C-alpha atoms as a PDB file:
ATOM      1  CA  MET A   1      86.151 103.981 124.568  1.00  0.00           C
ATOM      2  CA  ALA A   2      85.588 104.742 120.874  1.00  0.00           C
ATOM      3  CA  HIS A   3      86.431 101.997 118.443  1.00  0.00           C
ATOM      4  CA  THR A   4      89.116 102.407 115.674  1.00  0.00           C
ATOM      5  CA  SER A   5      87.346 102.897 112.323  1.00  0.00           C
ATOM      6  CA  LYS A   6      88.380 100.635 109.344  1.00  0.00           C
ATOM      7  CA  PHE A   7      89.714 103.613 107.256  1.00  0.00           C
ATOM      8  CA  GLN A   8      91.897 104.735 110.240  1.00  0.00           C
ATOM      9  CA  ALA A   9      93.231 101.120 110.697  1.00  0.00           C
ATOM     10  CA  ILE A  10      94.027 100.945 106.889  1.00  0.00           C
ATOM     11  CA  VAL A  11      95.801 104.393 106.806  1.00  0.00           C
ATOM     12  CA  ASN A  12      97.871 103.398 109.904  1.00  0.00           C
ATOM     13  CA  ALA A  13      98.584  99.860 108.754  1.00  0.00           C
ATOM     14  CA  LYS A  14      96.916  98.274 111.864  1.00  0.00           C
ATOM     15  CA  CYS A  15      95.725  94.558 112.216  1.00  0.00           C
ATOM     16  CA  PRO A  16      92.461  93.968 110.562  1.00  0.00           C
ATOM     17  CA  ARG A  17      91.094  91.940 113.462  1.00  0.00           C
ATOM     18  CA  CYS A  18      91.762  94.218 116.473  1.00  0.00           C
ATOM     19  CA  ARG A  19      92.806  97.404 114.664  1.00  0.00           C
ATOM     20  CA  ARG A  20      95.340  98.055 117.284  1.00  0.00           C
ATOM     21  CA  GLY A  21      98.526  96.019 116.591  1.00  0.00           C
ATOM     22  CA  ASP A  22     101.013  97.221 113.957  1.00  0.00           C
ATOM     23  CA  MET A  23     101.403  95.153 110.770  1.00  0.00           C
ATOM     24  CA  PHE A  24     104.830  96.288 110.057  1.00  0.00           C
ATOM     25  CA  LYS A  25     108.075  96.369 112.211  1.00  0.00           C
ATOM     26  CA  ASN A  26     109.464  99.636 110.762  1.00  0.00           C
ATOM     27  CA  SER A  27     108.375 102.906 109.390  1.00  0.00           C
ATOM     28  CA  MET A  28     107.339 103.136 105.789  1.00  0.00           C
ATOM     29  CA  TYR A  29     110.401 105.318 104.616  1.00  0.00           C
ATOM     30  CA  GLY A  30     113.752 104.488 106.150  1.00  0.00           C
ATOM     31  CA  PHE A  31     116.977 102.673 105.549  1.00  0.00           C
ATOM     32  CA  SER A  32     115.615  99.374 107.067  1.00  0.00           C
ATOM     33  CA  SER A  33     113.696  96.912 105.092  1.00  0.00           C
ATOM     34  CA  GLN A  34     109.928  96.492 105.044  1.00  0.00           C
ATOM     35  CA  LYS A  35     109.396  93.656 107.536  1.00  0.00           C
ATOM     36  CA  MET A  36     105.934  92.418 108.647  1.00  0.00           C
ATOM     37  CA  HIS A  37     105.158  90.981 111.951  1.00  0.00           C
ATOM     38  CA  ASP A  38     104.331  87.265 111.630  1.00  0.00           C
ATOM     39  CA  ASN A  39     101.468  87.647 114.044  1.00  0.00           C
ATOM     40  CA  CYS A  40      99.652  90.713 115.445  1.00  0.00           C
ATOM     41  CA  PRO A  41     101.456  91.908 118.599  1.00  0.00           C
ATOM     42  CA  LYS A  42      98.100  92.699 120.271  1.00  0.00           C
ATOM     43  CA  CYS A  43      95.648  89.925 119.232  1.00  0.00           C
ATOM     44  CA  GLY A  44      97.903  87.278 117.776  1.00  0.00           C
ATOM     45  CA  LEU A  45      96.269  87.019 114.392  1.00  0.00           C
ATOM     46  CA  LYS A  46      98.608  85.308 111.858  1.00  0.00           C
ATOM     47  CA  TYR A  47      98.983  87.607 109.003  1.00  0.00           C
ATOM     48  CA  GLU A  48      99.950  85.169 106.330  1.00  0.00           C
ATOM     49  CA  LEU A  49      96.814  83.068 106.338  1.00  0.00           C
ATOM     50  CA  GLU A  50      98.361  80.329 104.062  1.00  0.00           C
ATOM     51  CA  PRO A  51     101.741  79.645 102.409  1.00  0.00           C
ATOM     52  CA  GLY A  52     102.226  82.205  99.540  1.00  0.00           C
ATOM     53  CA  TYR A  53      99.225  84.294 100.600  1.00  0.00           C
ATOM     54  CA  PHE A  54     100.953  87.604  99.852  1.00  0.00           C
ATOM     55  CA  TYR A  55     101.520  86.609  96.203  1.00  0.00           C
ATOM     56  CA  ALA A  56      98.015  88.141  95.793  1.00  0.00           C
ATOM     57  CA  ALA A  57      99.351  91.469  97.015  1.00  0.00           C
ATOM     58  CA  MET A  58     101.404  91.800  93.777  1.00  0.00           C
ATOM     59  CA  TYR A  59      98.170  92.113  91.870  1.00  0.00           C
ATOM     60  CA  VAL A  60      96.926  94.697  94.284  1.00  0.00           C
ATOM     61  CA  GLY A  61     100.126  96.545  94.024  1.00  0.00           C
ATOM     62  CA  TYR A  62      99.898  96.357  90.268  1.00  0.00           C
ATOM     63  CA  ALA A  63      96.407  97.918  90.177  1.00  0.00           C
ATOM     64  CA  ILE A  64      97.720 100.682  92.632  1.00  0.00           C
ATOM     65  CA  ASN A  65     100.716 101.241  89.990  1.00  0.00           C
ATOM     66  CA  VAL A  66      98.228 101.382  87.134  1.00  0.00           C
ATOM     67  CA  ALA A  67      96.094 103.930  88.800  1.00  0.00           C
ATOM     68  CA  LEU A  68      99.121 105.944  89.834  1.00  0.00           C
ATOM     69  CA  SER A  69     100.559 105.947  86.340  1.00  0.00           C
ATOM     70  CA  VAL A  70      97.243 107.073  84.821  1.00  0.00           C
ATOM     71  CA  GLY A  71      96.845 109.805  87.382  1.00  0.00           C
ATOM     72  CA  VAL A  72     100.418 111.100  87.010  1.00  0.00           C
ATOM     73  CA  GLY A  73     100.150 110.912  83.197  1.00  0.00           C
ATOM     74  CA  ILE A  74      96.980 113.063  83.240  1.00  0.00           C
ATOM     75  CA  LEU A  75      98.323 115.440  85.863  1.00  0.00           C
ATOM     76  CA  THR A  76     101.646 115.879  83.674  1.00  0.00           C
ATOM     77  CA  TYR A  77      99.547 116.439  80.636  1.00  0.00           C
ATOM     78  CA  LEU A  78      97.657 119.210  82.339  1.00  0.00           C
ATOM     79  CA  LEU A  79     100.570 120.869  83.939  1.00  0.00           C
ATOM     80  CA  THR A  80     102.893 120.764  80.926  1.00  0.00           C
ATOM     81  CA  ASN A  81     100.279 122.474  78.597  1.00  0.00           C
ATOM     82  CA  GLU A  82      99.626 119.267  76.617  1.00  0.00           C
ATOM     83  CA  THR A  83     103.306 118.558  75.825  1.00  0.00           C
ATOM     84  CA  GLU A  84     103.651 115.714  73.337  1.00  0.00           C
ATOM     85  CA  SER A  85     107.201 114.559  74.268  1.00  0.00           C
ATOM     86  CA  PRO A  86     107.015 111.036  75.603  1.00  0.00           C
ATOM     87  CA  TRP A  87     109.985 111.385  77.740  1.00  0.00           C
ATOM     88  CA  ILE A  88     108.335 113.751  80.152  1.00  0.00           C
ATOM     89  CA  TYR A  89     105.617 111.142  80.753  1.00  0.00           C
ATOM     90  CA  VAL A  90     107.924 108.255  81.135  1.00  0.00           C
ATOM     91  CA  THR A  91     110.051 110.323  83.485  1.00  0.00           C
ATOM     92  CA  THR A  92     107.333 111.421  85.839  1.00  0.00           C
ATOM     93  CA  VAL A  93     105.457 108.136  85.853  1.00  0.00           C
ATOM     94  CA  PHE A  94     108.802 106.274  86.675  1.00  0.00           C
ATOM     95  CA  LEU A  95     109.901 108.639  89.456  1.00  0.00           C
ATOM     96  CA  ALA A  96     106.344 108.684  91.016  1.00  0.00           C
ATOM     97  CA  ALA A  97     106.443 104.833  90.996  1.00  0.00           C
ATOM     98  CA  LEU A  98     109.945 104.724  92.335  1.00  0.00           C
ATOM     99  CA  ILE A  99     109.220 107.299  95.150  1.00  0.00           C
ATOM    100  CA  LEU A 100     105.945 105.574  96.117  1.00  0.00           C
ATOM    101  CA  ALA A 101     107.150 102.062  95.968  1.00  0.00           C
ATOM    102  CA  PRO A 102     107.486 101.568  99.725  1.00  0.00           C
ATOM    103  CA  ALA A 103     103.889 102.824 100.209  1.00  0.00           C
ATOM    104  CA  ASN A 104     102.768 100.667  97.278  1.00  0.00           C
ATOM    105  CA  PHE A 105     104.421  97.567  98.874  1.00  0.00           C
ATOM    106  CA  ARG A 106     102.788  98.374 102.403  1.00  0.00           C
ATOM    107  CA  TYR A 107      99.396  99.277 101.313  1.00  0.00           C
ATOM    108  CA  SER A 108      99.007  96.511  98.855  1.00  0.00           C
ATOM    109  CA  ARG A 109      99.323  93.997 101.786  1.00  0.00           C
ATOM    110  CA  VAL A 110      97.167  96.185 103.989  1.00  0.00           C
ATOM    111  CA  LEU A 111      94.485  96.309 101.584  1.00  0.00           C
ATOM    112  CA  LEU A 112      94.600  92.658 100.849  1.00  0.00           C
ATOM    113  CA  LEU A 113      94.104  91.804 104.512  1.00  0.00           C
ATOM    114  CA  HIS A 114      91.562  94.457 105.274  1.00  0.00           C
ATOM    115  CA  VAL A 115      89.485  94.526 102.115  1.00  0.00           C
ATOM    116  CA  MET A 116      90.011  91.226 100.212  1.00  0.00           C
ATOM    117  CA  SER A 117      90.216  88.669 103.046  1.00  0.00           C
ATOM    118  CA  PRO A 118      86.848  87.302 103.967  1.00  0.00           C
ATOM    119  CA  LYS A 119      88.270  85.016 106.586  1.00  0.00           C
ATOM    120  CA  ILE A 120      89.446  87.918 108.789  1.00  0.00           C
ATOM    121  CA  LYS A 121      86.638  89.590 110.673  1.00  0.00           C
ATOM    122  CA  TYR A 122      86.883  92.672 112.967  1.00  0.00           C
ATOM    123  CA  ILE A 123      86.442  91.747 116.610  1.00  0.00           C
ATOM    124  CA  PRO A 124      85.504  94.846 118.678  1.00  0.00           C
ATOM    125  CA  ALA A 125      86.341  93.081 122.035  1.00  0.00           C
ATOM    126  CA  TYR A 126      90.092  93.234 120.897  1.00  0.00           C
ATOM    127  CA  ASP A 127      89.836  96.862 120.078  1.00  0.00           C
ATOM    128  CA  HIS A 128      91.188  98.260 123.311  1.00  0.00           C
ATOM    129  CA  ASP A 129      94.606  99.317 124.719  1.00  0.00           C
END
């Protein structure tokens, strides 16, 4: 059986240890709130390593929003033939941040656990159905 790649686990918001269990209870876009499992349903990994651990995800989310704002600003500049009106930029950046807020929330936590948590190691023995 092929093992799940790290990239595939990040994109699908899977557990960083087994890469099989879902980190979130619900879909990204929907009318229910974004709820995380306390533990991985497959391997039992406790996602919140210590109290307040996900406060660090706010900084990751901030970095994602800055990159998004710069990218949307440049794209708006190129697509509007270098328009100088600040309201076009404010509106497009605000709408992009608002529409992508659920993805930002989810992937800031996923990236925190997968990339910036040295205590969590991938264990291939858990990577099975």
